[in-house]
Amino acid sequence: MISTRIKPGQELAYRAWEQRIASAQTRAPGFQGYRFEPPIPGVQDDWLSILRFDSEENLQAWLNSPERKALLAEAEPFTEEFHARIARSGFDQWFAGGSAKGPPPAVWKQNMIVLMLLYPVVYLFGIAVQNPVLMGWAGLAFPVALFIGNVVSVALLNYLVPWASGRFGWWLTPAAPARGVDLRGAAIIATIYAALLAVFTLSS
């Protein structure tokens, strides 16, 4: 995510430059998409560019490329401020390997793990606490009870997801990319989904 503040009166020059760098980055290995958003008065003062790459390695290769550095130098005359940050998955803090140890697990794997744990937590809290206690005994309105449930769910996932990621480490961050490993882990988690659905359906 790249936010840029342009010097007054330089908007047309910046738009022309943005088209050049946008064209250049589409040729970079691993490039997957690009979104460009102009400032929104009262909401967002900067011009925002969002780049999407298939891996952090390919992203860094583009960010450090001589072609991009030359284009950034061209933009200096009409650029007031420039900030860039890497946005990974919002779940990275829960998964081992997402820091100095190496790249985080693939986002789709993180999502599968989180869903596997979030679904039973939300369901069990709902039938055991939210409905009978918060909404029944305490008489709280549904939106308030739901908010409390969400707070509890997120707090529990802070412990459950790291625990589960340790047991699925062979799948989340395999020693080498392997389609067989990816499929086997996904199949195991899909089986857990089905088991949870069956158990909760029968008990309802």
Protein backbone atom coordinates (compact mmCIF):
# COMPACT_ATOMS: atom_id res chain seq x y z
CA MET A 1 0.00 0.00 0.00
CA ILE A 2 1.55 3.26 -1.16
CA SER A 3 0.23 6.64 -0.07
CA THR A 4 1.51 9.76 -1.80
CA ARG A 5 0.88 13.42 -1.06
CA ILE A 6 1.23 15.62 -4.14
CA LYS A 7 2.39 19.21 -4.24
CA PRO A 8 -0.45 21.65 -5.02
CA GLY A 9 -1.12 22.02 -8.74
CA GLN A 10 0.81 18.89 -9.70
CA GLU A 11 -2.13 16.50 -9.95
CA LEU A 12 -2.03 16.15 -13.75
CA ALA A 13 1.70 15.48 -13.72
CA TYR A 14 1.24 12.86 -11.02
CA ARG A 15 -1.56 11.11 -12.93
CA ALA A 16 0.61 10.89 -16.04
CA TRP A 17 3.49 9.48 -13.98
CA GLU A 18 1.17 7.04 -12.22
CA GLN A 19 0.15 5.60 -15.58
CA ARG A 20 3.81 4.99 -16.47
CA ILE A 21 4.64 3.20 -13.23
CA ALA A 22 1.39 1.23 -13.37
CA SER A 23 2.32 -0.01 -16.84
CA ALA A 24 5.83 -0.93 -15.69
CA GLN A 25 4.72 -2.92 -12.65
CA THR A 26 2.32 -5.07 -14.69
CA ARG A 27 5.42 -6.59 -16.30
CA ALA A 28 6.99 -7.46 -12.94
CA PRO A 29 7.10 -11.20 -12.07
CA GLY A 30 4.30 -12.21 -9.70
CA PHE A 31 2.18 -9.12 -10.29
CA GLN A 32 -1.50 -9.90 -9.62
CA GLY A 33 -3.38 -6.63 -9.51
CA TYR A 34 -3.40 -2.92 -8.92
CA ARG A 35 -5.86 -0.35 -7.59
CA PHE A 36 -5.47 3.42 -7.68
CA GLU A 37 -7.58 5.73 -5.53
CA PRO A 38 -7.50 9.55 -5.61
CA PRO A 39 -7.93 11.62 -2.43
CA ILE A 40 -11.38 11.85 -0.84
CA PRO A 41 -11.99 15.25 0.79
CA GLY A 42 -12.40 14.90 4.53
CA VAL A 43 -11.55 11.20 4.47
CA GLN A 44 -8.25 10.61 2.69
CA ASP A 45 -5.77 13.36 1.81
CA ASP A 46 -3.27 11.20 -0.08
CA TRP A 47 -3.31 9.36 -3.39
CA LEU A 48 -3.43 5.65 -2.63
CA SER A 49 -1.96 2.84 -4.72
CA ILE A 50 -2.51 -0.79 -3.77
CA LEU A 51 -0.31 -3.43 -5.41
CA ARG A 52 -0.91 -7.16 -5.15
CA PHE A 53 1.79 -9.77 -5.77
CA ASP A 54 1.77 -13.54 -5.46
CA SER A 55 4.64 -13.58 -2.95
CA GLU A 56 6.62 -11.23 -0.77
CA GLU A 57 9.78 -12.18 -2.66
CA ASN A 58 8.35 -10.97 -5.98
CA LEU A 59 6.97 -7.84 -4.32
CA GLN A 60 10.36 -6.98 -2.84
CA ALA A 61 12.04 -7.65 -6.20
CA TRP A 62 9.79 -5.03 -7.79
CA LEU A 63 10.12 -2.54 -4.91
CA ASN A 64 13.92 -2.76 -5.15
CA SER A 65 14.14 -2.88 -8.94
CA PRO A 66 16.23 -0.26 -10.78
CA GLU A 67 13.24 0.50 -13.05
CA ARG A 68 11.03 1.44 -10.09
CA LYS A 69 13.77 3.48 -8.44
CA ALA A 70 14.22 5.46 -11.66
CA LEU A 71 10.49 6.12 -11.86
CA LEU A 72 10.40 7.26 -8.22
CA ALA A 73 13.20 9.71 -8.98
CA GLU A 74 11.05 11.14 -11.78
CA ALA A 75 8.22 11.77 -9.30
CA GLU A 76 10.31 13.75 -6.79
CA PRO A 77 9.59 17.19 -8.32
CA PHE A 78 5.84 16.88 -7.70
CA THR A 79 5.79 14.61 -4.63
CA GLU A 80 5.48 16.08 -1.15
CA GLU A 81 5.31 12.88 0.94
CA PHE A 82 5.60 9.20 0.11
CA HIS A 83 4.90 6.22 2.38
CA ALA A 84 4.82 2.50 1.59
CA ARG A 85 3.92 -0.43 3.79
CA ILE A 86 3.35 -4.12 3.21
CA ALA A 87 -0.10 -5.39 4.16
CA ARG A 88 -0.19 -9.11 4.56
CA SER A 89 -3.12 -11.04 5.99
CA GLY A 90 -4.85 -9.62 9.03
CA PHE A 91 -4.23 -12.96 10.75
CA ASP A 92 -0.41 -12.98 10.45
CA GLN A 93 0.13 -12.23 14.15
CA TRP A 94 -1.52 -15.56 15.04
CA PHE A 95 0.71 -17.74 12.86
CA ALA A 96 4.27 -18.82 13.49
CA GLY A 97 6.63 -17.95 10.66
CA GLY A 98 5.09 -14.61 9.86
CA SER A 99 7.98 -12.50 11.09
CA ALA A 100 11.75 -12.76 10.89
CA LYS A 101 11.48 -16.52 10.65
CA GLY A 102 10.28 -16.28 7.07
CA PRO A 103 7.23 -15.44 5.00
CA PRO A 104 3.82 -16.07 6.59
CA PRO A 105 1.67 -19.01 5.50
CA ALA A 106 -0.48 -18.60 2.42
CA VAL A 107 -3.55 -16.47 3.13
CA TRP A 108 -5.98 -19.20 2.04
CA LYS A 109 -4.43 -21.60 4.56
CA GLN A 110 -4.67 -19.02 7.34
CA ASN A 111 -8.31 -18.44 6.46
CA MET A 112 -9.08 -22.18 6.60
CA ILE A 113 -7.48 -22.52 10.05
CA VAL A 114 -9.27 -19.47 11.42
CA LEU A 115 -12.64 -20.66 10.10
CA MET A 116 -12.06 -24.13 11.57
CA LEU A 117 -11.69 -22.57 15.02
CA LEU A 118 -14.00 -19.57 14.75
CA TYR A 119 -17.07 -21.60 13.78
CA PRO A 120 -17.18 -23.84 16.89
CA VAL A 121 -16.21 -20.96 19.19
CA VAL A 122 -19.05 -18.77 17.90
CA TYR A 123 -21.56 -21.64 17.91
CA LEU A 124 -20.74 -22.91 21.39
CA PHE A 125 -20.60 -19.43 22.91
CA GLY A 126 -23.94 -18.65 21.32
CA ILE A 127 -25.80 -21.64 22.71
CA ALA A 128 -24.02 -21.71 26.08
CA VAL A 129 -23.65 -18.03 26.95
CA GLN A 130 -25.02 -15.53 24.45
CA ASN A 131 -28.59 -16.79 24.18
CA PRO A 132 -29.32 -18.09 27.71
CA VAL A 133 -27.18 -15.71 29.76
CA LEU A 134 -26.56 -12.46 27.91
CA MET A 135 -29.89 -12.22 26.10
CA GLY A 136 -31.96 -14.32 28.51
CA TRP A 137 -30.87 -13.73 32.08
CA ALA A 138 -29.16 -10.34 31.51
CA GLY A 139 -31.74 -9.15 29.00
CA LEU A 140 -29.19 -7.59 26.65
CA ALA A 141 -30.22 -6.61 23.14
CA PHE A 142 -28.98 -8.89 20.37
CA PRO A 143 -26.45 -6.36 18.93
CA VAL A 144 -24.86 -5.91 22.37
CA ALA A 145 -24.77 -9.64 23.07
CA LEU A 146 -23.32 -10.27 19.61
CA PHE A 147 -20.61 -7.68 20.17
CA ILE A 148 -19.61 -9.33 23.47
CA GLY A 149 -19.56 -12.67 21.69
CA ASN A 150 -17.24 -11.28 19.04
CA VAL A 151 -14.89 -9.88 21.67
CA VAL A 152 -14.74 -13.26 23.42
CA SER A 153 -14.23 -15.10 20.12
CA VAL A 154 -11.29 -12.91 19.09
CA ALA A 155 -9.73 -13.24 22.55
CA LEU A 156 -9.98 -17.04 22.39
CA LEU A 157 -8.54 -17.17 18.88
CA ASN A 158 -5.44 -15.42 20.21
CA TYR A 159 -4.67 -18.69 21.97
CA LEU A 160 -6.38 -21.25 19.75
CA VAL A 161 -4.94 -20.22 16.38
CA PRO A 162 -1.26 -20.32 17.46
CA TRP A 163 -1.93 -23.69 19.09
CA ALA A 164 -3.53 -25.07 15.91
CA SER A 165 -0.92 -23.52 13.63
CA GLY A 166 1.76 -25.40 15.53
CA ARG A 167 0.01 -28.69 14.83
CA PHE A 168 -0.57 -27.83 11.18
CA GLY A 169 2.91 -26.40 10.68
CA TRP A 170 3.76 -29.20 8.23
CA TRP A 171 0.96 -27.85 6.00
CA LEU A 172 1.07 -24.11 6.70
CA THR A 173 4.80 -23.71 6.07
CA PRO A 174 6.13 -26.89 4.42
CA ALA A 175 9.87 -27.26 3.91
CA ALA A 176 9.29 -27.09 0.16
CA PRO A 177 6.21 -26.28 -1.92
CA ALA A 178 4.27 -29.48 -2.59
CA ARG A 179 0.82 -29.77 -4.13
CA GLY A 180 0.27 -33.10 -2.36
CA VAL A 181 0.91 -31.54 1.05
CA ASP A 182 -1.41 -28.63 0.24
CA LEU A 183 -4.22 -30.96 -0.82
CA ARG A 184 -3.77 -33.30 2.16
CA GLY A 185 -3.95 -30.47 4.69
CA ALA A 186 -6.95 -28.89 2.97
CA ALA A 187 -8.72 -32.26 2.92
CA ILE A 188 -8.12 -32.78 6.65
CA ILE A 189 -9.52 -29.37 7.51
CA ALA A 190 -12.49 -29.85 5.16
CA THR A 191 -13.20 -33.11 6.98
CA ILE A 192 -13.14 -31.24 10.30
CA TYR A 193 -15.59 -28.71 8.84
CA ALA A 194 -17.94 -31.53 7.86
CA ALA A 195 -17.65 -33.18 11.28
CA LEU A 196 -18.44 -29.93 13.08
CA LEU A 197 -21.45 -29.30 10.85
CA ALA A 198 -22.73 -32.82 11.45
CA VAL A 199 -22.29 -32.68 15.23
CA PHE A 200 -23.85 -29.24 15.61
CA THR A 201 -26.74 -30.10 13.29
CA LEU A 202 -27.56 -33.27 15.19
CA SER A 203 -27.36 -31.48 18.55
CA SER A 204 -29.57 -28.56 17.54
